[in-house]
Amino acid sequence: MTQRSGKDGMSPKTTRREPAGFSTRAIHHGYDPQDAKGALNPPIYMTSTYAFEDARAGGELFAGEREGYIYGRLGNPTQALLETRLAELEGGEAALATASGMGAISASMWTLLRPGDELIIDKTLYGCTFSFFTHGLREFGITVTPVDMTRPENLEPCITDKTRVVYFETPANPNMRLVDIAAIREVIDASPHVDNISLVVDNTYCTPYLQTPLKLGANLVVHSATKYLGGHGDVIAGAVVGEKETIDRIRMYGLKDMTGAVIAPMDAFLVLRGLKTLRLRMDAHVKNAQALAALLEAHPLVARVFYPGLESFAWAETAKKQMRAPGGMMAFELHGGAMGDLEAGIHLMDQLRLIICAVSLGDAETLIQHPASMTHSTYTPEERHVHGISDGLIRLSAGLEDIADLEEDLTCALDATWARVKKAKAGESNRLEPTSQGY
């Protein structure tokens, strides 16, 4: 699809200001309706293969001597527009859209790593990412070294001549730990092995609207586009963004040959739709999350709240340094007392009427879940303890509902659970009271 565009990939009629604002680029970048018979929304190209002009043209396409489309596993015009737009928003040269976030991660790792190489990871990762790295890649002769990267100085002694990838999430799923991206970049740059190492950051929790890791020193950014980028809970997709040479290698090897994690044209269109409202949605997610985090922190049932927008948050300064706003995600732990932290959390979730118990995040609906038994059940209990995921931890994704309704629902559930905890404590006290015979 030909693009009639200006210096920043915009239609010449779109903006006089350079660079255009975030939402303007998220809506218009890389697409001129006049290139598609005036269609305001880009076409969905529902095709698996492409007709060649002639036999010679087909050979030239396969030889890389001309640009164009060959087969759906290698690319699609709808997908290409999504990739162009994601690269623009993240500040990368190129992007690859995939069938899922795990598709983006696995295609990238199969491209960057070989048997005998080392992958250094932060101590807390999404459950399936952790499982792929520690239970999967290790089976193929790759050394996987967990490090607490919230302290960048911990990384330096772990880097060896075998290190090829340093990988982390910030904020981390599910306990919200933050890693200073620029500080990790400095540690890598100071290493004699810097030329061999790719810094890969999962930016799913923030999106490029709240954080741009490439500008802070990352080589690649990965996303589960299922979450905030899609934003409506109706699509599974992923993406990786970075330098064109690396993205081309991931497309032609990690995606084409190793995973086949190809995004469907309709799914690419749904993510494009989500990008148009990303800024508006993220602002609303943040506003609701700030109110809910404050409510949680003030309630006697709640032991700790992990949210970048709270002054009590351990990495509040890091958040201010690299995030535009504190985001829509949080985690918290309860004072379960005699009832037990886990049982108190289950009781709380079961008391909710508006907030939905479900995995995933970044949807219009507010979602709550229990990581130890759900998204992070891929960790053994021992691994969860080592990696900082308590059995009582609860994760909450603030949605877009009216905040008064969310506050009422959460307050009622907190109060009901707090009453149950106090009752359990009273029952325990009664059992421990001396009888007339004494103890």
Protein backbone atom coordinates (compact mmCIF):
# COMPACT_ATOMS: atom_id res chain seq x y z
CA MET A 1 0.00 0.00 0.00
CA THR A 2 1.54 3.28 -1.09
CA GLN A 3 1.89 5.91 1.61
CA ARG A 4 1.55 9.57 0.64
CA SER A 5 3.01 11.10 3.74
CA GLY A 6 5.10 13.91 5.12
CA LYS A 7 8.38 13.86 7.01
CA ASP A 8 6.96 12.18 10.08
CA GLY A 9 4.81 9.65 8.18
CA MET A 10 1.68 11.78 8.49
CA SER A 11 -0.67 12.64 5.69
CA PRO A 12 0.34 16.12 4.40
CA LYS A 13 -3.16 17.34 5.35
CA THR A 14 -2.97 16.08 8.93
CA THR A 15 -0.83 18.50 10.92
CA ARG A 16 1.31 21.60 10.58
CA ARG A 17 3.15 20.91 13.82
CA GLU A 18 6.21 18.65 13.96
CA PRO A 19 6.31 16.33 15.66
CA ALA A 20 2.59 15.83 15.97
CA GLY A 21 1.12 15.00 19.38
CA PHE A 22 0.74 11.47 20.71
CA SER A 23 -2.96 11.04 19.94
CA THR A 24 -2.60 12.63 16.51
CA ARG A 25 0.10 10.12 15.60
CA ALA A 26 -1.84 7.23 17.17
CA ILE A 27 -4.82 8.10 14.96
CA HIS A 28 -3.23 9.24 11.69
CA HIS A 29 0.39 8.10 11.40
CA GLY A 30 1.23 6.15 8.24
CA TYR A 31 -2.21 6.25 6.63
CA ASP A 32 -3.83 8.55 4.08
CA PRO A 33 -7.48 7.70 3.30
CA GLN A 34 -6.91 8.72 -0.32
CA ASP A 35 -4.62 5.71 -0.68
CA ALA A 36 -7.61 3.45 0.07
CA LYS A 37 -10.35 5.02 -2.06
CA GLY A 38 -11.15 7.50 0.70
CA ALA A 39 -11.88 4.92 3.41
CA LEU A 40 -11.56 6.69 6.77
CA ASN A 41 -10.51 3.46 8.46
CA PRO A 42 -7.73 1.39 6.91
CA PRO A 43 -8.82 -1.73 5.01
CA ILE A 44 -8.58 -5.18 6.55
CA TYR A 45 -6.68 -7.27 4.02
CA MET A 46 -8.16 -10.74 4.49
CA THR A 47 -5.76 -12.71 2.34
CA SER A 48 -3.23 -15.45 3.00
CA THR A 49 -1.15 -14.98 -0.15
CA TYR A 50 -0.42 -12.35 -2.80
CA ALA A 51 -0.45 -12.40 -6.61
CA PHE A 52 2.83 -11.51 -8.33
CA GLU A 53 2.95 -9.17 -11.28
CA ASP A 54 4.77 -11.90 -13.20
CA ALA A 55 7.18 -14.78 -12.56
CA ARG A 56 10.22 -12.50 -12.59
CA ALA A 57 8.63 -10.22 -10.00
CA GLY A 58 7.96 -13.21 -7.75
CA GLY A 59 11.60 -14.23 -7.93
CA GLU A 60 12.75 -10.71 -7.17
CA LEU A 61 10.49 -10.55 -4.12
CA PHE A 62 11.89 -13.81 -2.76
CA ALA A 63 15.41 -12.60 -3.45
CA GLY A 64 14.75 -9.38 -1.55
CA GLU A 65 15.39 -7.30 -4.67
CA ARG A 66 12.04 -5.50 -4.51
CA GLU A 67 9.56 -4.64 -1.79
CA GLY A 68 6.11 -6.15 -1.61
CA TYR A 69 4.05 -8.92 -0.08
CA ILE A 70 4.64 -12.62 -0.63
CA TYR A 71 2.71 -14.64 1.95
CA GLY A 72 0.65 -13.89 5.04
CA ARG A 73 3.21 -15.32 7.46
CA LEU A 74 5.69 -12.64 6.35
CA GLY A 75 3.37 -9.66 6.44
CA ASN A 76 0.06 -8.05 5.58
CA PRO A 77 -0.80 -4.41 4.73
CA THR A 78 -3.08 -4.06 7.79
CA GLN A 79 -0.36 -5.51 9.97
CA ALA A 80 2.24 -3.25 8.33
CA LEU A 81 0.25 -0.14 9.24
CA LEU A 82 0.00 -1.29 12.86
CA GLU A 83 3.74 -1.92 12.93
CA THR A 84 4.52 1.49 11.46
CA ARG A 85 2.30 3.17 14.02
CA LEU A 86 3.70 1.23 17.00
CA ALA A 87 7.26 2.02 15.94
CA GLU A 88 6.37 5.70 15.71
CA LEU A 89 4.79 5.79 19.17
CA GLU A 90 7.64 3.88 20.84
CA GLY A 91 10.35 5.82 19.03
CA GLY A 92 11.75 2.77 17.22
CA GLU A 93 12.87 2.21 13.65
CA ALA A 94 10.55 -0.74 13.07
CA ALA A 95 8.08 -3.05 14.77
CA LEU A 96 6.74 -6.57 14.38
CA ALA A 97 3.16 -7.37 15.39
CA THR A 98 2.53 -10.94 16.55
CA ALA A 99 -0.32 -13.21 17.54
CA SER A 100 0.28 -12.67 21.28
CA GLY A 101 2.63 -11.09 23.77
CA MET A 102 4.27 -14.46 24.34
CA GLY A 103 4.62 -14.74 20.55
CA ALA A 104 6.60 -11.48 20.54
CA ILE A 105 8.78 -12.59 23.46
CA SER A 106 9.46 -16.10 22.19
CA ALA A 107 10.14 -15.00 18.60
CA SER A 108 12.61 -12.42 19.94
CA MET A 109 14.41 -14.86 22.24
CA TRP A 110 14.70 -17.59 19.59
CA THR A 111 16.35 -14.97 17.38
CA LEU A 112 18.72 -13.46 19.95
CA LEU A 113 19.83 -16.60 21.81
CA ARG A 114 21.70 -19.78 20.96
CA PRO A 115 22.70 -22.81 23.09
CA GLY A 116 25.47 -21.78 25.48
CA ASP A 117 24.29 -18.16 25.68
CA GLU A 118 23.12 -16.48 28.88
CA LEU A 119 19.87 -14.61 29.50
CA ILE A 120 19.77 -12.39 32.61
CA ILE A 121 16.26 -11.70 33.88
CA ASP A 122 14.77 -9.66 36.68
CA LYS A 123 13.56 -11.69 39.65
CA THR A 124 9.86 -10.93 38.99
CA LEU A 125 8.20 -11.58 35.65
CA TYR A 126 4.78 -12.49 34.27
CA GLY A 127 4.15 -16.17 34.94
CA CYS A 128 4.25 -17.44 31.34
CA THR A 129 7.36 -15.37 30.55
CA PHE A 130 9.04 -16.79 33.65
CA SER A 131 8.04 -20.32 32.66
CA PHE A 132 9.27 -19.90 29.07
CA PHE A 133 12.62 -18.61 30.29
CA THR A 134 13.32 -20.84 33.29
CA HIS A 135 11.44 -24.01 32.40
CA GLY A 136 11.70 -23.73 28.62
CA LEU A 137 14.88 -22.05 27.35
CA ARG A 138 17.02 -23.87 29.91
CA GLU A 139 16.01 -27.12 28.20
CA PHE A 140 17.75 -25.82 25.07
CA GLY A 141 21.10 -25.12 26.70
CA ILE A 142 20.56 -21.46 27.55
CA THR A 143 21.68 -20.24 30.97
CA VAL A 144 18.99 -18.16 32.70
CA THR A 145 20.17 -16.00 35.61
CA PRO A 146 17.61 -14.18 37.82
CA VAL A 147 18.84 -10.91 39.35
CA ASP A 148 17.14 -8.26 41.48
CA MET A 149 17.42 -5.41 38.97
CA THR A 150 15.70 -2.89 41.21
CA ARG A 151 19.26 -2.53 42.44
CA PRO A 152 21.20 -1.93 39.19
CA GLU A 153 24.53 -2.64 40.87
CA ASN A 154 23.43 -6.28 41.18
CA LEU A 155 23.65 -6.69 37.42
CA GLU A 156 27.32 -5.85 36.85
CA PRO A 157 28.91 -8.97 38.47
CA CYS A 158 26.45 -11.23 36.63
CA ILE A 159 27.40 -10.14 33.12
CA THR A 160 29.78 -12.54 31.38
CA ASP A 161 31.10 -13.11 27.89
CA LYS A 162 28.12 -15.43 27.40
CA THR A 163 25.49 -12.80 28.22
CA ARG A 164 23.36 -11.95 25.21
CA VAL A 165 20.11 -10.56 26.64
CA VAL A 166 19.12 -8.60 29.74
CA TYR A 167 15.35 -8.71 30.21
CA PHE A 168 12.89 -7.12 32.64
CA GLU A 169 9.42 -5.68 33.08
CA THR A 170 8.83 -2.27 34.63
CA PRO A 171 6.46 -2.12 36.39
CA ALA A 172 6.76 -5.83 37.06
CA ASN A 173 3.77 -8.14 36.89
CA PRO A 174 2.29 -8.66 39.48
CA ASN A 175 4.00 -6.87 42.39
CA MET A 176 4.74 -3.54 40.63
CA ARG A 177 8.52 -3.48 41.25
CA LEU A 178 10.21 -0.82 39.11
CA VAL A 179 13.56 -1.08 37.37
CA ASP A 180 15.49 2.06 36.44
CA ILE A 181 15.92 1.57 32.68
CA ALA A 182 18.61 4.23 32.21
CA ALA A 183 20.61 2.91 35.17
CA ILE A 184 20.57 -0.64 33.77
CA ARG A 185 21.69 0.77 30.41
CA GLU A 186 24.64 2.44 32.15
CA VAL A 187 25.68 -0.86 33.73
CA ILE A 188 25.56 -2.64 30.37
CA ASP A 189 27.46 0.15 28.63
CA ALA A 190 30.23 -0.09 31.24
CA SER A 191 30.70 -3.79 30.54
CA PRO A 192 33.43 -4.99 28.15
CA HIS A 193 30.75 -7.23 26.64
CA VAL A 194 28.35 -4.38 25.79
CA ASP A 195 28.42 -5.04 22.04
CA ASN A 196 27.02 -8.54 22.55
CA ILE A 197 24.09 -7.61 24.81
CA SER A 198 20.53 -6.62 23.94
CA LEU A 199 18.45 -4.87 26.61
CA VAL A 200 14.81 -5.94 26.26
CA VAL A 201 12.04 -4.25 28.27
CA ASP A 202 8.41 -5.33 28.57
CA ASN A 203 6.38 -2.10 28.40
CA THR A 204 2.92 -3.69 28.61
CA TYR A 205 1.91 -2.01 31.88
CA CYS A 206 2.82 1.50 30.73
CA THR A 207 2.37 1.62 26.96
CA PRO A 208 4.39 4.20 24.99
CA TYR A 209 2.07 6.91 26.28
CA LEU A 210 3.40 6.59 29.83
CA GLN A 211 6.94 5.29 29.20
CA THR A 212 9.32 4.96 26.24
CA PRO A 213 12.09 2.47 27.11
CA LEU A 214 13.90 2.85 23.78
CA LYS A 215 14.59 6.49 24.60
CA LEU A 216 16.01 5.39 27.96
CA GLY A 217 18.44 2.88 26.47
CA ALA A 218 16.53 -0.30 25.68
CA ASN A 219 17.31 -2.11 22.41
CA LEU A 220 13.93 -3.78 22.13
CA VAL A 221 10.49 -3.19 23.66
CA VAL A 222 7.90 -5.96 23.84
CA HIS A 223 4.16 -5.70 24.46
CA SER A 224 1.18 -7.82 25.11
CA ALA A 225 -1.05 -5.75 22.84
CA THR A 226 -3.95 -7.71 24.30
CA LYS A 227 -3.84 -5.33 27.22
CA TYR A 228 -3.86 -1.52 27.05
CA LEU A 229 -2.95 -1.21 23.36
CA GLY A 230 -6.03 -3.17 22.34
CA GLY A 231 -7.89 -1.97 25.38
CA HIS A 232 -11.25 -3.68 24.91
CA GLY A 233 -10.68 -7.28 25.95
CA ASP A 234 -11.53 -8.61 22.49
CA VAL A 235 -8.18 -9.38 20.87
CA ILE A 236 -5.01 -11.38 21.58
CA ALA A 237 -1.91 -9.75 20.09
CA GLY A 238 1.70 -8.78 20.79
CA ALA A 239 4.50 -6.64 19.41
CA VAL A 240 8.23 -6.05 19.52
CA VAL A 241 9.80 -2.69 18.58
CA GLY A 242 13.43 -1.72 17.96
CA GLU A 243 16.09 -1.27 15.29
CA LYS A 244 15.02 -2.35 11.81
CA GLU A 245 17.86 -4.83 11.34
CA THR A 246 16.93 -6.69 14.52
CA ILE A 247 13.19 -6.58 13.81
CA ASP A 248 13.81 -7.95 10.31
CA ARG A 249 15.77 -10.86 11.80
CA ILE A 250 13.00 -11.59 14.31
CA ARG A 251 10.41 -11.53 11.52
CA MET A 252 12.33 -13.80 9.16
CA TYR A 253 13.62 -16.28 11.77
CA GLY A 254 11.91 -16.05 15.16
CA LEU A 255 8.45 -15.51 13.68
CA LYS A 256 8.57 -17.15 10.24
CA ASP A 257 10.59 -20.24 11.12
CA MET A 258 10.51 -20.76 14.89
CA THR A 259 7.10 -19.76 16.23
CA GLY A 260 4.69 -18.96 13.40
CA ALA A 261 3.04 -16.51 15.82
CA VAL A 262 1.41 -14.53 13.00
CA ILE A 263 -1.16 -11.88 13.83
CA ALA A 264 -4.44 -12.10 11.94
CA PRO A 265 -5.43 -9.05 9.84
CA MET A 266 -8.62 -8.54 11.86
CA ASP A 267 -6.63 -8.60 15.11
CA ALA A 268 -4.20 -6.03 13.70
CA PHE A 269 -7.18 -3.82 12.85
CA LEU A 270 -8.56 -4.15 16.40
CA VAL A 271 -5.26 -3.02 17.89
CA LEU A 272 -5.16 -0.09 15.45
CA ARG A 273 -8.64 0.82 16.69
CA GLY A 274 -7.41 0.64 20.28
CA LEU A 275 -4.47 2.95 19.61
CA LYS A 276 -6.84 5.73 18.56
CA THR A 277 -8.18 6.10 22.11
CA LEU A 278 -5.05 5.02 24.00
CA ARG A 279 -4.21 8.42 25.48
CA LEU A 280 -7.78 9.08 26.60
CA ARG A 281 -8.10 5.62 28.11
CA MET A 282 -4.75 5.72 29.88
CA ASP A 283 -5.55 9.08 31.45
CA ALA A 284 -8.84 7.64 32.74
CA HIS A 285 -7.20 4.40 33.95
CA VAL A 286 -4.64 6.46 35.87
CA LYS A 287 -7.26 8.71 37.45
CA ASN A 288 -9.30 5.75 38.69
CA ALA A 289 -6.22 3.86 39.86
CA GLN A 290 -5.01 6.80 41.93
CA ALA A 291 -8.36 7.00 43.71
CA LEU A 292 -8.57 3.25 44.34
CA ALA A 293 -4.97 3.06 45.58
CA ALA A 294 -5.65 5.84 48.08
CA LEU A 295 -8.84 4.09 49.24
CA LEU A 296 -6.98 0.80 49.74
CA GLU A 297 -4.10 2.40 51.61
CA ALA A 298 -6.49 4.04 54.08
CA HIS A 299 -8.46 0.87 54.92
CA PRO A 300 -7.53 -1.11 58.09
CA LEU A 301 -7.79 -4.45 56.25
CA VAL A 302 -5.00 -3.52 53.83
CA ALA A 303 -1.42 -4.15 54.94
CA ARG A 304 0.42 -2.73 51.91
CA VAL A 305 -0.43 -1.16 48.57
CA PHE A 306 2.03 -1.32 45.67
CA TYR A 307 1.27 1.58 43.34
CA PRO A 308 3.76 4.01 41.72
CA GLY A 309 1.54 6.99 42.49
CA LEU A 310 1.75 6.59 46.27
CA GLU A 311 4.49 8.30 48.27
CA SER A 312 4.77 5.09 50.30
CA PHE A 313 5.77 3.16 47.17
CA ALA A 314 9.36 1.92 47.39
CA TRP A 315 10.24 3.06 43.85
CA ALA A 316 8.24 6.29 43.75
CA GLU A 317 11.28 8.29 42.66
CA THR A 318 12.02 5.90 39.81
CA ALA A 319 8.41 6.25 38.69
CA LYS A 320 8.70 10.03 38.62
CA LYS A 321 11.94 9.74 36.67
CA GLN A 322 10.81 7.50 33.81
CA MET A 323 6.99 7.37 33.78
CA ARG A 324 4.69 10.14 32.58
CA ALA A 325 2.04 8.98 35.11
CA PRO A 326 1.77 6.09 37.61
CA GLY A 327 -0.40 3.84 35.43
CA GLY A 328 -3.58 1.85 35.95
CA MET A 329 -2.19 -1.24 37.71
CA MET A 330 -1.67 -1.93 41.41
CA ALA A 331 -1.22 -4.78 43.86
CA PHE A 332 -1.96 -5.06 47.55
CA GLU A 333 -1.76 -7.39 50.54
CA LEU A 334 -4.23 -7.78 53.42
CA HIS A 335 -4.05 -8.20 57.19
CA GLY A 336 -5.59 -11.66 57.15
CA GLY A 337 -4.83 -12.41 60.78
CA ALA A 338 -6.33 -15.67 62.05
CA MET A 339 -8.32 -15.93 58.83
CA GLY A 340 -5.10 -16.09 56.80
CA ASP A 341 -3.96 -13.66 54.11
CA LEU A 342 -4.94 -15.96 51.26
CA GLU A 343 -8.40 -16.72 52.63
CA ALA A 344 -9.00 -13.04 53.33
CA GLY A 345 -8.09 -12.21 49.73
CA ILE A 346 -10.43 -14.87 48.36
CA HIS A 347 -13.23 -13.61 50.59
CA LEU A 348 -12.62 -10.04 49.40
CA MET A 349 -12.78 -10.99 45.72
CA ASP A 350 -15.94 -13.01 46.26
CA GLN A 351 -17.65 -10.01 47.89
CA LEU A 352 -17.22 -7.76 44.87
CA ARG A 353 -20.24 -7.14 42.66
CA LEU A 354 -18.98 -4.70 40.00
CA ILE A 355 -15.26 -5.42 39.93
CA ILE A 356 -14.73 -8.65 37.99
CA CYS A 357 -12.53 -11.57 39.03
CA ALA A 358 -10.61 -12.30 35.84
CA VAL A 359 -7.06 -12.41 34.53
CA SER A 360 -5.70 -9.97 31.93
CA LEU A 361 -5.56 -6.21 32.40
CA GLY A 362 -5.97 -2.89 30.63
CA ASP A 363 -9.62 -3.45 29.74
CA ALA A 364 -12.52 -1.04 30.18
CA GLU A 365 -13.69 -3.27 33.04
CA THR A 366 -11.93 -3.21 36.42
CA LEU A 367 -10.39 -6.65 36.96
CA ILE A 368 -9.03 -8.32 40.08
CA GLN A 369 -7.17 -11.62 40.47
CA HIS A 370 -4.96 -13.71 42.74
CA PRO A 371 -1.52 -14.16 41.10
CA ALA A 372 -0.27 -17.11 43.19
CA SER A 373 -3.16 -19.34 42.09
CA MET A 374 -3.80 -17.75 38.70
CA THR A 375 -1.38 -15.80 36.46
CA HIS A 376 1.74 -16.81 38.40
CA SER A 377 0.84 -20.38 39.26
CA THR A 378 3.64 -21.39 36.86
CA TYR A 379 6.01 -20.50 39.70
CA THR A 380 6.49 -23.17 42.36
CA PRO A 381 5.72 -21.99 45.93
CA GLU A 382 9.46 -21.86 46.55
CA GLU A 383 10.02 -19.78 43.42
CA ARG A 384 7.25 -17.36 44.35
CA HIS A 385 8.87 -16.85 47.75
CA VAL A 386 12.28 -16.18 46.20
CA HIS A 387 10.87 -13.92 43.51
CA GLY A 388 8.75 -11.76 45.81
CA ILE A 389 5.22 -12.96 45.03
CA SER A 390 3.40 -13.60 48.29
CA ASP A 391 0.46 -16.01 48.54
CA GLY A 392 -1.71 -13.14 49.77
CA LEU A 393 -0.90 -10.70 46.96
CA ILE A 394 -3.88 -9.39 44.97
CA ARG A 395 -3.57 -7.63 41.59
CA LEU A 396 -6.06 -5.00 40.44
CA SER A 397 -6.42 -3.41 37.00
CA ALA A 398 -8.38 -0.16 37.28
CA GLY A 399 -10.97 0.13 34.53
CA LEU A 400 -13.00 2.98 33.12
CA GLU A 401 -16.18 2.79 35.18
CA ASP A 402 -17.42 5.76 37.22
CA ILE A 403 -15.11 6.03 40.20
CA ALA A 404 -17.97 6.42 42.71
CA ASP A 405 -19.32 3.02 41.69
CA LEU A 406 -15.90 1.39 41.96
CA GLU A 407 -15.23 2.96 45.35
CA GLU A 408 -18.58 1.79 46.70
CA ASP A 409 -18.03 -1.77 45.47
CA LEU A 410 -14.50 -2.01 46.82
CA THR A 411 -15.36 -0.39 50.14
CA CYS A 412 -18.26 -2.79 50.75
CA ALA A 413 -16.04 -5.79 50.00
CA LEU A 414 -13.23 -4.47 52.21
CA ASP A 415 -15.62 -3.78 55.09
CA ALA A 416 -17.24 -7.21 54.83
CA THR A 417 -13.87 -8.96 54.78
CA TRP A 418 -12.53 -6.83 57.63
CA ALA A 419 -15.55 -7.84 59.72
CA ARG A 420 -14.85 -11.51 58.94
CA VAL A 421 -11.18 -11.10 59.89
CA LYS A 422 -12.10 -9.50 63.23
CA LYS A 423 -14.61 -12.28 63.89
CA ALA A 424 -11.96 -14.91 63.22
CA LYS A 425 -9.59 -13.10 65.57
CA ALA A 426 -12.25 -12.99 68.30
CA GLY A 427 -12.92 -16.69 67.85
CA GLU A 428 -9.24 -17.46 68.18
CA SER A 429 -9.01 -15.34 71.32
CA ASN A 430 -11.94 -17.22 72.86
CA ARG A 431 -10.27 -20.52 72.17
CA LEU A 432 -7.13 -19.33 73.91
CA GLU A 433 -8.85 -18.00 77.05
CA PRO A 434 -8.03 -20.07 80.17
CA THR A 435 -10.75 -22.39 81.44
CA SER A 436 -11.63 -22.60 85.11
CA GLN A 437 -9.03 -25.36 85.42
CA GLY A 438 -6.40 -23.16 83.83
CA TYR A 439 -3.70 -24.19 81.39
